[in-house]
Amino acid sequence: MSNVRPDLTLLWPSYTLFPIAGLAILVFGASAGDTAMVGIGLLLLAANAAIVINYAYFTKLAIERGELVYRTNFGLREDRVPLGSLQRIDAKRYPGAHSGVSAPFFVARGRISTVKVNTKPYRMRDFAPLIAVLRGANSRIELDSFWARVAAGDDPSKEVELTPKSRL
């Protein structure tokens, strides 16, 4: 297993809830005869469709010709790290809404380049075979505690510590 693709079931708001807003604007704009609202509704639906199509067909994390490659944005963005230069895989998190943290990023650090993937639309268990292949190709890769647990078959993504609040 050398490919990791987004799980479309985790993107359900993108193809269920978000189009409702675009449809509502489109319907209200059409019923009122407002061409600007109709245009906005159509643009929202098109943007939503583009996001889902991008994840469904053009986003993947794979091993190709001795490199870890992440492609997204309809194939226009491509990040590469040679497997021989991989040094560490980290789970970088960023402050999120409601005093929480974001989904862990898969950050593969090489000597010169870095591949950074937001794991929100992925299943954590899909990364375990990829990490095994990476470590098989380069046994010197260090894993932080999060990705070490994922590689061992655990799902530590639900055990998130909250971001500390400021002391104002």
Protein backbone atom coordinates (compact mmCIF):
# COMPACT_ATOMS: atom_id res chain seq x y z
CA MET A 1 0.00 0.00 0.00
CA SER A 2 1.72 3.16 -1.16
CA ASN A 3 -1.28 5.42 -1.85
CA VAL A 4 -3.36 7.29 0.71
CA ARG A 5 -6.50 8.96 -0.60
CA PRO A 6 -9.11 11.07 1.20
CA ASP A 7 -12.14 9.23 2.54
CA LEU A 8 -15.16 10.91 0.99
CA THR A 9 -17.43 9.84 3.83
CA LEU A 10 -15.48 12.23 6.09
CA LEU A 11 -16.26 15.07 3.68
CA TRP A 12 -20.02 14.65 4.00
CA PRO A 13 -20.65 18.31 4.90
CA SER A 14 -19.08 19.31 1.58
CA TYR A 15 -21.63 17.43 -0.45
CA THR A 16 -24.64 17.55 1.87
CA LEU A 17 -24.79 20.63 4.11
CA PHE A 18 -22.79 23.23 2.15
CA PRO A 19 -24.82 22.85 -1.08
CA ILE A 20 -27.96 23.64 0.92
CA ALA A 21 -26.73 27.21 1.43
CA GLY A 22 -25.98 27.58 -2.27
CA LEU A 23 -29.37 26.12 -3.20
CA ALA A 24 -31.17 28.40 -0.73
CA ILE A 25 -29.49 31.49 -2.17
CA LEU A 26 -30.25 30.26 -5.69
CA VAL A 27 -33.92 29.59 -4.93
CA PHE A 28 -34.49 32.87 -3.09
CA GLY A 29 -32.64 34.78 -5.79
CA ALA A 30 -34.64 33.14 -8.58
CA SER A 31 -37.96 33.69 -6.80
CA ALA A 32 -37.12 37.37 -6.24
CA GLY A 33 -35.76 37.81 -9.76
CA ASP A 34 -32.38 38.93 -8.39
CA THR A 35 -29.68 37.92 -10.88
CA ALA A 36 -26.89 38.73 -8.45
CA MET A 37 -28.23 36.25 -5.88
CA VAL A 38 -28.73 33.64 -8.59
CA GLY A 39 -25.11 34.15 -9.67
CA ILE A 40 -23.87 33.90 -6.10
CA GLY A 41 -25.86 30.71 -5.55
CA LEU A 42 -24.46 29.17 -8.72
CA LEU A 43 -20.91 30.20 -7.75
CA LEU A 44 -21.32 28.62 -4.31
CA LEU A 45 -22.56 25.37 -5.84
CA ALA A 46 -19.72 25.36 -8.39
CA ALA A 47 -17.10 26.03 -5.70
CA ASN A 48 -18.52 23.24 -3.58
CA ALA A 49 -18.51 20.82 -6.51
CA ALA A 50 -14.90 21.78 -7.27
CA ILE A 51 -13.83 21.01 -3.70
CA VAL A 52 -15.44 17.58 -3.71
CA ILE A 53 -14.08 16.72 -7.19
CA ASN A 54 -10.60 17.84 -6.14
CA TYR A 55 -10.60 15.52 -3.12
CA ALA A 56 -12.27 12.65 -4.97
CA TYR A 57 -10.04 12.56 -8.04
CA PHE A 58 -6.98 14.79 -7.72
CA THR A 59 -5.75 14.59 -4.10
CA LYS A 60 -3.43 11.78 -3.05
CA LEU A 61 -0.37 11.01 -0.99
CA ALA A 62 1.75 8.36 -2.68
CA ILE A 63 5.20 6.90 -3.11
CA GLU A 64 6.35 7.39 -6.68
CA ARG A 65 9.80 6.62 -8.08
CA GLY A 66 11.56 6.81 -4.73
CA GLU A 67 9.78 9.94 -3.49
CA LEU A 68 6.90 10.70 -1.18
CA VAL A 69 4.55 12.83 -3.30
CA TYR A 70 1.48 14.82 -2.23
CA ARG A 71 -0.75 16.14 -5.02
CA THR A 72 -3.80 18.37 -4.62
CA ASN A 73 -5.58 21.39 -6.16
CA PHE A 74 -6.45 19.52 -9.37
CA GLY A 75 -2.84 18.38 -9.67
CA LEU A 76 -1.50 21.93 -9.70
CA ARG A 77 0.18 21.64 -6.28
CA GLU A 78 2.75 18.94 -5.80
CA ASP A 79 5.10 18.46 -2.83
CA ARG A 80 7.92 15.90 -3.00
CA VAL A 81 10.45 14.47 -0.58
CA PRO A 82 12.97 11.81 -1.63
CA LEU A 83 12.64 8.74 0.59
CA GLY A 84 16.38 8.64 1.25
CA SER A 85 16.33 12.17 2.67
CA LEU A 86 13.32 11.66 4.97
CA GLN A 87 14.36 12.30 8.55
CA ARG A 88 11.22 12.72 10.63
CA ILE A 89 7.43 12.45 10.48
CA ASP A 90 5.61 14.84 12.82
CA ALA A 91 1.99 15.50 13.73
CA LYS A 92 1.84 19.28 13.70
CA ARG A 93 -1.36 20.72 15.20
CA TYR A 94 -2.67 24.24 15.04
CA PRO A 95 -5.04 26.08 17.40
CA GLY A 96 -8.62 25.51 16.37
CA ALA A 97 -12.03 26.87 17.15
CA HIS A 98 -13.60 26.59 20.61
CA SER A 99 -10.22 26.23 22.36
CA GLY A 100 -9.46 22.98 20.57
CA VAL A 101 -6.82 21.98 18.07
CA SER A 102 -6.90 21.13 14.41
CA ALA A 103 -6.63 17.68 12.95
CA PRO A 104 -3.04 16.49 13.07
CA PHE A 105 -1.01 17.26 9.99
CA PHE A 106 1.20 14.59 8.43
CA VAL A 107 4.50 16.45 8.13
CA ALA A 108 7.28 14.46 6.47
CA ARG A 109 10.52 16.38 6.87
CA GLY A 110 13.42 15.74 4.56
CA ARG A 111 16.82 17.39 4.42
CA ILE A 112 15.73 20.00 1.88
CA SER A 113 11.98 19.68 1.38
CA THR A 114 8.86 18.95 3.41
CA VAL A 115 5.50 17.35 2.62
CA LYS A 116 2.66 18.68 4.78
CA VAL A 117 -0.80 17.08 4.57
CA ASN A 118 -3.89 18.03 6.59
CA THR A 119 -5.29 14.68 7.71
CA LYS A 120 -8.86 15.83 8.35
CA PRO A 121 -10.32 14.11 5.23
CA TYR A 122 -8.29 10.92 5.80
CA ARG A 123 -8.71 7.85 8.00
CA MET A 124 -5.76 7.48 10.37
CA ARG A 125 -5.59 3.72 9.79
CA ASP A 126 -4.80 4.40 6.10
CA PHE A 127 -1.48 5.97 7.11
CA ALA A 128 -0.16 2.87 8.92
CA PRO A 129 0.69 0.90 5.72
CA LEU A 130 2.24 4.02 4.18
CA ILE A 131 4.44 4.57 7.24
CA ALA A 132 5.47 0.89 7.13
CA VAL A 133 6.53 1.26 3.48
CA LEU A 134 8.40 4.48 4.29
CA ARG A 135 10.23 2.89 7.20
CA GLY A 136 11.00 -0.15 5.07
CA ALA A 137 12.61 2.10 2.47
CA ASN A 138 14.41 4.27 5.05
CA SER A 139 14.81 2.78 8.53
CA ARG A 140 16.30 6.03 9.90
CA ILE A 141 12.95 7.86 9.81
CA GLU A 142 11.95 9.10 13.26
CA LEU A 143 8.27 9.16 14.18
CA ASP A 144 6.81 11.44 16.81
CA SER A 145 4.61 9.81 19.45
CA PHE A 146 1.37 10.40 17.50
CA TRP A 147 2.53 8.77 14.27
CA ALA A 148 4.31 5.99 16.17
CA ARG A 149 0.95 5.07 17.70
CA VAL A 150 -0.75 5.26 14.28
CA ALA A 151 1.95 2.98 12.83
CA ALA A 152 1.29 0.54 15.68
CA GLY A 153 -2.41 0.40 14.73
CA ASP A 154 -3.85 2.78 17.34
CA ASP A 155 -6.11 5.76 16.58
CA PRO A 156 -4.83 8.52 18.88
CA SER A 157 -6.66 11.27 16.95
CA LYS A 158 -9.56 11.21 19.42
CA GLU A 159 -7.25 11.77 22.41
CA VAL A 160 -6.58 15.46 21.88
CA GLU A 161 -5.36 17.81 24.55
CA LEU A 162 -7.03 21.19 24.46
CA THR A 163 -5.02 24.25 23.53
CA PRO A 164 -4.32 26.26 26.69
CA LYS A 165 -6.23 29.51 26.94
CA SER A 166 -4.41 32.77 27.44
CA ARG A 167 -4.22 34.14 30.98
CA LEU A 168 -5.77 37.55 30.43
